[in-house]
Amino acid sequence: MQTQQQTLDEVLELAAAQFKIPRETLSADDDFFKKLGIDSLQALSLLTRLEQHFKIELPDYEMQGVSDFRTLAERIQSRL
């Protein structure tokens, strides 16, 4: 089983790749809406990619209010 830090690193890598920005510019506590300049539809696209990558399903109710990478990684980790 992978660690919380490994999950966070993978989330940051995938977000950087999807939105074509340098990984180094992202940090765990960044608000991904502001940092990536994305809307809710683009966030949903990222979430779908993360679900496929980690082979999990994140219910909508678990994602309400989540806007930083660290919390997102925690929610993913809880499903692994």
N, C-alpha and C. Protein backbone atom coordinates (compact mmCIF):
# COMPACT_ATOMS: atom_id res chain seq x y z
N MET A 1 0.84 -1.19 0.00
CA MET A 1 0.00 0.00 0.00
C MET A 1 0.88 1.25 0.00
N GLN A 2 0.47 2.22 -0.77
CA GLN A 2 1.32 3.40 -0.86
C GLN A 2 1.01 4.39 0.26
N THR A 3 1.97 5.28 0.51
CA THR A 3 1.84 6.25 1.59
C THR A 3 1.03 7.46 1.14
N GLN A 4 0.62 8.24 2.12
CA GLN A 4 -0.09 9.49 1.85
C GLN A 4 0.76 10.41 0.96
N GLN A 5 2.07 10.46 1.24
CA GLN A 5 2.96 11.33 0.47
C GLN A 5 3.05 10.87 -0.98
N GLN A 6 3.11 9.57 -1.20
CA GLN A 6 3.16 9.05 -2.57
C GLN A 6 1.88 9.39 -3.32
N THR A 7 0.75 9.28 -2.64
CA THR A 7 -0.53 9.63 -3.27
C THR A 7 -0.55 11.10 -3.62
N LEU A 8 -0.11 11.94 -2.70
CA LEU A 8 -0.06 13.39 -2.95
C LEU A 8 0.85 13.70 -4.14
N ASP A 9 2.01 13.07 -4.18
CA ASP A 9 2.94 13.30 -5.29
C ASP A 9 2.31 12.92 -6.63
N GLU A 10 1.60 11.80 -6.66
CA GLU A 10 0.96 11.36 -7.90
C GLU A 10 -0.16 12.32 -8.31
N VAL A 11 -0.93 12.80 -7.34
CA VAL A 11 -1.99 13.77 -7.63
C VAL A 11 -1.39 15.02 -8.26
N LEU A 12 -0.31 15.52 -7.67
CA LEU A 12 0.34 16.73 -8.19
C LEU A 12 0.91 16.50 -9.59
N GLU A 13 1.52 15.34 -9.80
CA GLU A 13 2.08 15.00 -11.12
C GLU A 13 0.98 14.95 -12.18
N LEU A 14 -0.12 14.29 -11.86
CA LEU A 14 -1.21 14.16 -12.82
C LEU A 14 -1.86 15.50 -13.12
N ALA A 15 -2.03 16.33 -12.10
CA ALA A 15 -2.61 17.66 -12.31
C ALA A 15 -1.70 18.50 -13.19
N ALA A 16 -0.42 18.46 -12.93
CA ALA A 16 0.55 19.22 -13.73
C ALA A 16 0.53 18.75 -15.18
N ALA A 17 0.48 17.45 -15.38
CA ALA A 17 0.47 16.91 -16.74
C ALA A 17 -0.82 17.28 -17.47
N GLN A 18 -1.94 17.15 -16.79
CA GLN A 18 -3.23 17.42 -17.44
C GLN A 18 -3.36 18.88 -17.86
N PHE A 19 -2.85 19.79 -17.02
CA PHE A 19 -3.01 21.21 -17.33
C PHE A 19 -1.72 21.85 -17.87
N LYS A 20 -0.76 20.98 -18.20
CA LYS A 20 0.47 21.39 -18.87
C LYS A 20 1.18 22.55 -18.17
N ILE A 21 1.43 22.32 -16.88
CA ILE A 21 2.20 23.29 -16.11
C ILE A 21 3.33 22.54 -15.40
N PRO A 22 4.41 23.24 -15.05
CA PRO A 22 5.52 22.55 -14.37
C PRO A 22 5.09 22.03 -13.00
N ARG A 23 5.44 20.81 -12.70
CA ARG A 23 5.11 20.18 -11.42
C ARG A 23 5.64 21.00 -10.25
N GLU A 24 6.79 21.61 -10.42
CA GLU A 24 7.44 22.36 -9.34
C GLU A 24 6.60 23.56 -8.89
N THR A 25 5.67 24.01 -9.73
CA THR A 25 4.88 25.19 -9.37
C THR A 25 3.69 24.83 -8.48
N LEU A 26 3.46 23.55 -8.25
CA LEU A 26 2.33 23.12 -7.43
C LEU A 26 2.79 22.67 -6.06
N SER A 27 2.00 23.01 -5.04
CA SER A 27 2.29 22.52 -3.69
C SER A 27 1.02 21.94 -3.07
N ALA A 28 1.20 21.18 -2.02
CA ALA A 28 0.10 20.42 -1.42
C ALA A 28 -1.08 21.29 -0.98
N ASP A 29 -0.79 22.48 -0.50
CA ASP A 29 -1.86 23.31 0.06
C ASP A 29 -2.43 24.31 -0.94
N ASP A 30 -2.03 24.23 -2.19
CA ASP A 30 -2.59 25.11 -3.22
C ASP A 30 -4.07 24.81 -3.43
N ASP A 31 -4.84 25.87 -3.63
CA ASP A 31 -6.23 25.73 -4.07
C ASP A 31 -6.15 25.43 -5.56
N PHE A 32 -6.59 24.23 -5.97
CA PHE A 32 -6.38 23.88 -7.38
C PHE A 32 -7.22 24.70 -8.34
N PHE A 33 -8.36 25.22 -7.89
CA PHE A 33 -9.15 26.09 -8.78
C PHE A 33 -8.36 27.36 -9.11
N LYS A 34 -7.77 27.96 -8.07
CA LYS A 34 -7.02 29.20 -8.26
C LYS A 34 -5.67 28.94 -8.94
N LYS A 35 -4.95 27.94 -8.45
CA LYS A 35 -3.60 27.68 -8.95
C LYS A 35 -3.61 27.25 -10.41
N LEU A 36 -4.56 26.40 -10.77
CA LEU A 36 -4.63 25.91 -12.15
C LEU A 36 -5.50 26.80 -13.03
N GLY A 37 -6.25 27.71 -12.41
CA GLY A 37 -7.14 28.58 -13.18
C GLY A 37 -8.23 27.79 -13.88
N ILE A 38 -8.82 26.84 -13.15
CA ILE A 38 -9.81 25.95 -13.77
C ILE A 38 -11.21 26.21 -13.21
N ASP A 39 -12.19 25.74 -13.96
CA ASP A 39 -13.58 25.82 -13.50
C ASP A 39 -14.02 24.44 -13.01
N SER A 40 -15.27 24.33 -12.60
CA SER A 40 -15.74 23.07 -12.02
C SER A 40 -15.75 21.93 -13.04
N LEU A 41 -15.99 22.25 -14.29
CA LEU A 41 -15.98 21.21 -15.32
C LEU A 41 -14.57 20.65 -15.52
N GLN A 42 -13.58 21.52 -15.52
CA GLN A 42 -12.19 21.05 -15.64
C GLN A 42 -11.77 20.28 -14.39
N ALA A 43 -12.26 20.71 -13.23
CA ALA A 43 -11.96 19.98 -11.99
C ALA A 43 -12.56 18.58 -12.05
N LEU A 44 -13.75 18.46 -12.61
CA LEU A 44 -14.39 17.15 -12.77
C LEU A 44 -13.57 16.26 -13.70
N SER A 45 -13.02 16.85 -14.74
CA SER A 45 -12.17 16.12 -15.67
C SER A 45 -10.92 15.58 -14.95
N LEU A 46 -10.33 16.41 -14.10
CA LEU A 46 -9.16 15.99 -13.32
C LEU A 46 -9.56 14.88 -12.36
N LEU A 47 -10.69 15.03 -11.71
CA LEU A 47 -11.16 14.03 -10.77
C LEU A 47 -11.38 12.68 -11.46
N THR A 48 -11.96 12.71 -12.64
CA THR A 48 -12.17 11.48 -13.41
C THR A 48 -10.83 10.82 -13.73
N ARG A 49 -9.87 11.63 -14.13
CA ARG A 49 -8.53 11.09 -14.43
C ARG A 49 -7.90 10.46 -13.19
N LEU A 50 -8.06 11.11 -12.04
CA LEU A 50 -7.50 10.57 -10.80
C LEU A 50 -8.19 9.27 -10.40
N GLU A 51 -9.51 9.22 -10.57
CA GLU A 51 -10.24 7.99 -10.25
C GLU A 51 -9.75 6.83 -11.12
N GLN A 52 -9.53 7.10 -12.39
CA GLN A 52 -9.05 6.06 -13.30
C GLN A 52 -7.63 5.63 -12.94
N HIS A 53 -6.79 6.61 -12.63
CA HIS A 53 -5.39 6.32 -12.29
C HIS A 53 -5.30 5.44 -11.03
N PHE A 54 -6.06 5.82 -10.00
CA PHE A 54 -5.99 5.10 -8.73
C PHE A 54 -6.97 3.92 -8.65
N LYS A 55 -7.80 3.78 -9.70
CA LYS A 55 -8.79 2.69 -9.76
C LYS A 55 -9.73 2.73 -8.54
N ILE A 56 -10.28 3.91 -8.30
CA ILE A 56 -11.21 4.12 -7.19
C ILE A 56 -12.40 4.93 -7.70
N GLU A 57 -13.39 5.08 -6.83
CA GLU A 57 -14.50 5.98 -7.12
C GLU A 57 -14.67 6.90 -5.93
N LEU A 58 -14.71 8.20 -6.21
CA LEU A 58 -14.89 9.19 -5.15
C LEU A 58 -16.32 9.75 -5.23
N PRO A 59 -17.14 9.46 -4.23
CA PRO A 59 -18.51 9.98 -4.26
C PRO A 59 -18.54 11.51 -4.19
N ASP A 60 -19.53 12.09 -4.82
CA ASP A 60 -19.65 13.54 -4.85
C ASP A 60 -19.66 14.14 -3.44
N TYR A 61 -20.37 13.49 -2.52
CA TYR A 61 -20.48 14.04 -1.18
C TYR A 61 -19.12 14.14 -0.48
N GLU A 62 -18.18 13.27 -0.85
CA GLU A 62 -16.84 13.33 -0.25
C GLU A 62 -16.01 14.46 -0.84
N MET A 63 -16.39 14.93 -2.01
CA MET A 63 -15.59 15.93 -2.69
C MET A 63 -16.11 17.36 -2.46
N GLN A 64 -17.28 17.50 -1.85
CA GLN A 64 -17.82 18.83 -1.60
C GLN A 64 -16.89 19.62 -0.69
N GLY A 65 -16.55 20.81 -1.13
CA GLY A 65 -15.69 21.68 -0.33
C GLY A 65 -14.21 21.40 -0.46
N VAL A 66 -13.84 20.37 -1.20
CA VAL A 66 -12.42 20.05 -1.39
C VAL A 66 -11.87 20.92 -2.51
N SER A 67 -10.83 21.70 -2.19
CA SER A 67 -10.24 22.54 -3.23
C SER A 67 -8.72 22.59 -3.16
N ASP A 68 -8.12 21.85 -2.22
CA ASP A 68 -6.65 21.82 -2.18
C ASP A 68 -6.15 20.40 -2.42
N PHE A 69 -4.94 20.33 -2.94
CA PHE A 69 -4.37 19.04 -3.33
C PHE A 69 -4.20 18.08 -2.15
N ARG A 70 -3.84 18.61 -0.98
CA ARG A 70 -3.60 17.75 0.18
C ARG A 70 -4.90 17.01 0.58
N THR A 71 -6.00 17.75 0.67
CA THR A 71 -7.27 17.13 1.04
C THR A 71 -7.72 16.15 -0.02
N LEU A 72 -7.53 16.53 -1.28
CA LEU A 72 -7.87 15.63 -2.38
C LEU A 72 -7.10 14.31 -2.24
N ALA A 73 -5.81 14.41 -1.98
CA ALA A 73 -4.97 13.21 -1.81
C ALA A 73 -5.43 12.39 -0.61
N GLU A 74 -5.85 13.05 0.47
CA GLU A 74 -6.34 12.33 1.66
C GLU A 74 -7.59 11.54 1.33
N ARG A 75 -8.50 12.14 0.56
CA ARG A 75 -9.74 11.45 0.18
C ARG A 75 -9.43 10.25 -0.70
N ILE A 76 -8.47 10.42 -1.61
CA ILE A 76 -8.07 9.31 -2.47
C ILE A 76 -7.43 8.20 -1.63
N GLN A 77 -6.54 8.59 -0.73
CA GLN A 77 -5.84 7.63 0.12
C GLN A 77 -6.82 6.80 0.95
N SER A 78 -7.89 7.41 1.40
CA SER A 78 -8.87 6.70 2.22
C SER A 78 -9.61 5.61 1.43
N ARG A 79 -9.55 5.69 0.10
CA ARG A 79 -10.22 4.72 -0.76
C ARG A 79 -9.29 3.62 -1.26
N LEU A 80 -8.01 3.78 -1.03
CA LEU A 80 -7.04 2.78 -1.55
C LEU A 80 -6.98 1.56 -0.66
